Protein backbone atom coordinates (compact mmCIF):
# COMPACT_ATOMS: atom_id res chain seq x y z
CA MET A 1 0.05 -22.54 -15.02
CA GLU A 2 -2.08 -22.57 -11.85
CA ASN A 3 1.07 -23.41 -9.85
CA ILE A 4 2.76 -20.29 -11.24
CA TRP A 5 -0.24 -18.19 -10.18
CA ARG A 6 -0.21 -19.77 -6.70
CA ALA A 7 3.49 -19.00 -6.33
CA LEU A 8 3.07 -15.40 -7.50
CA SER A 9 0.09 -14.79 -5.21
CA GLY A 10 1.95 -16.22 -2.21
CA GLN A 11 -0.40 -19.18 -1.86
CA ASP A 12 1.99 -21.89 -2.99
CA PRO A 13 2.48 -24.19 0.01
CA ASN A 14 6.09 -23.42 0.84
CA PRO A 15 7.33 -25.79 3.60
CA GLU A 16 8.30 -22.70 5.62
CA ASP A 17 4.58 -21.83 5.75
CA TYR A 18 3.63 -24.98 7.65
CA THR A 19 6.78 -26.47 9.20
CA GLY A 20 6.35 -26.70 12.96
CA ILE A 21 2.57 -26.20 12.88
CA GLU A 22 0.69 -29.31 13.96
CA PHE A 23 -2.35 -28.58 11.78
CA TRP A 24 -3.49 -32.20 12.17
CA SER A 25 -4.29 -31.80 15.89
CA ASN A 26 -6.56 -29.39 17.77
CA PRO A 27 -7.21 -26.80 15.05
CA GLU A 28 -8.98 -23.56 15.92
CA ARG A 29 -11.50 -24.41 13.19
CA SER A 30 -11.73 -27.05 10.50
CA GLY A 31 -14.30 -28.11 7.96
CA TRP A 32 -15.40 -28.29 4.36
CA LEU A 33 -15.66 -25.16 2.24
CA THR A 34 -16.02 -24.73 -1.49
CA LYS A 35 -13.22 -22.51 -2.78
CA GLN A 36 -12.95 -20.67 -6.06
CA GLY A 37 -9.74 -21.43 -7.91
CA ASP A 38 -7.12 -18.71 -8.05
CA TYR A 39 -6.29 -18.92 -11.74
CA ILE A 40 -8.97 -21.14 -13.25
CA LYS A 41 -12.17 -19.86 -11.64
CA THR A 42 -13.77 -23.25 -10.96
CA TRP A 43 -15.29 -24.14 -7.60
CA ARG A 44 -13.79 -27.06 -5.65
CA ARG A 45 -14.66 -28.52 -2.29
CA ARG A 46 -11.66 -28.53 0.05
CA TRP A 47 -10.97 -29.37 3.69
CA PHE A 48 -9.82 -26.23 5.55
CA ILE A 49 -7.91 -25.94 8.80
CA LEU A 50 -7.35 -22.67 10.67
CA LYS A 51 -4.47 -22.85 13.13
CA GLN A 52 -1.80 -20.51 14.49
CA GLY A 53 -2.74 -17.66 12.19
CA LYS A 54 -2.74 -19.69 9.00
CA LEU A 55 -5.56 -21.05 6.87
CA PHE A 56 -4.57 -24.36 5.26
CA TRP A 57 -6.51 -26.34 2.71
CA PHE A 58 -6.31 -29.94 1.59
CA LYS A 59 -7.94 -31.99 -1.15
CA ASP A 60 -9.73 -34.12 1.45
CA SER A 61 -10.00 -34.64 5.19
CA HIS A 62 -8.49 -38.14 5.21
CA ASN A 63 -4.95 -38.92 6.32
CA ILE A 64 -3.93 -35.42 7.42
CA THR A 65 -0.81 -36.34 9.37
CA PRO A 66 2.60 -34.86 10.21
CA GLY A 67 3.78 -35.77 6.69
CA SER A 68 0.84 -34.12 4.91
CA THR A 69 1.38 -31.21 2.56
CA PRO A 70 -1.39 -28.62 2.30
CA ARG A 71 -2.59 -27.63 -1.17
CA GLY A 72 -2.41 -24.00 -0.06
CA VAL A 73 -1.71 -21.72 2.89
CA ILE A 74 -2.89 -18.20 3.64
CA PRO A 75 -1.23 -16.34 6.53
CA VAL A 76 -4.30 -14.55 7.89
CA GLY A 77 -2.13 -11.80 9.38
CA THR A 78 -1.73 -10.50 5.82
CA CYS A 79 -5.50 -10.33 5.34
CA LEU A 80 -7.43 -7.09 5.69
CA THR A 81 -11.06 -8.24 5.62
CA VAL A 82 -13.31 -11.25 5.80
CA ARG A 83 -16.98 -10.68 5.02
CA GLY A 84 -20.08 -12.11 3.41
CA ALA A 85 -20.20 -12.13 -0.38
CA GLU A 86 -23.59 -13.63 -1.28
CA ASP A 87 -24.67 -10.58 -3.27
CA LEU A 88 -21.37 -10.31 -5.11
CA LEU A 89 -21.23 -13.98 -6.13
CA ASN A 90 -24.98 -14.65 -6.19
CA LYS A 91 -24.36 -17.76 -4.07
CA PRO A 92 -25.86 -18.48 -0.65
CA PHE A 93 -23.40 -18.78 2.27
CA ALA A 94 -20.55 -17.15 0.29
CA PHE A 95 -17.80 -15.07 1.86
CA GLU A 96 -14.56 -13.43 0.81
CA LEU A 97 -11.12 -13.10 2.35
CA SER A 98 -9.07 -10.15 1.10
CA THR A 99 -5.49 -8.96 1.30
CA GLY A 100 -4.23 -5.80 -0.34
CA ASP A 101 -3.25 -7.85 -3.41
CA TYR A 102 -5.98 -10.43 -3.98
CA THR A 103 -9.38 -11.70 -2.84
CA MET A 104 -10.36 -15.33 -2.37
CA TYR A 105 -13.95 -16.57 -2.39
CA PHE A 106 -15.48 -19.41 -0.38
CA VAL A 107 -18.90 -20.98 0.06
CA ALA A 108 -19.94 -22.72 3.28
CA ASP A 109 -22.64 -25.38 3.53
CA THR A 110 -24.91 -23.37 5.86
CA GLU A 111 -25.41 -19.81 7.09
CA LYS A 112 -24.24 -20.89 10.56
CA GLU A 113 -20.99 -22.36 9.19
CA LYS A 114 -20.40 -19.22 7.10
CA GLU A 115 -20.78 -17.01 10.18
CA GLU A 116 -18.53 -19.31 12.25
CA TRP A 117 -15.79 -19.21 9.60
CA ILE A 118 -16.05 -15.42 9.26
CA ASN A 119 -15.84 -15.01 13.05
CA SER A 120 -12.93 -17.43 13.44
CA ILE A 121 -10.93 -15.94 10.57
CA GLY A 122 -11.75 -12.41 11.78
CA ARG A 123 -10.40 -13.22 15.26
CA ALA A 124 -7.27 -14.74 13.72
CA ILE A 125 -6.74 -11.64 11.55
CA VAL A 126 -6.87 -9.42 14.63
CA GLN A 127 -4.60 -11.72 16.66
CA HIS A 128 -1.99 -12.12 13.93
CA SER A 129 -2.23 -8.79 12.12
CA ARG A 130 1.01 -7.05 11.29
CA SER A 131 -0.83 -3.74 10.93
CA VAL A 132 -1.02 -3.11 14.68
CA THR A 133 2.12 -3.34 16.75
CA GLU A 134 2.23 -3.20 20.53
CA SER A 135 3.64 0.32 20.37
CA GLU A 136 0.52 1.41 18.46
CA VAL A 137 -1.95 -0.06 20.96
CA VAL A 138 -3.46 2.61 23.17
CA ASP A 139 -4.28 1.66 26.75
CA TYR A 140 -7.28 3.84 27.52
CA ASP A 141 -7.58 2.51 31.09
CA ASN A 142 -4.23 4.03 32.09
CA LYS A 143 -4.75 7.49 30.56
């Protein structure tokens, strides 16, 4: 049933989501985070990789190669916010990543790692956001 939920929420790792992305080399950020399950709300430690506007997660950090299949993929361009969530979850170093349709929760190992993930994901959201097109960008220097 969790696979059905992942497919409906757009998190099922469709090969189109990761084909052509070399997530195994030179990621923008990678590391361990504890992630709350999408359907069954248990907490599991997963290896995360942020690269080319997508946040991938794997069961472990071993043997991530060209043939590896991520357990999930989030295109960060579809996300609206990333922010701390310690008060909401009553867990230290917690943060949330939200789209218009769903919110995912994560816990880092330290405050520094939490802030680094929030900053990295926030930059990726801005870089890959579909909400701002080049025609909407205002160049204040040339006005």
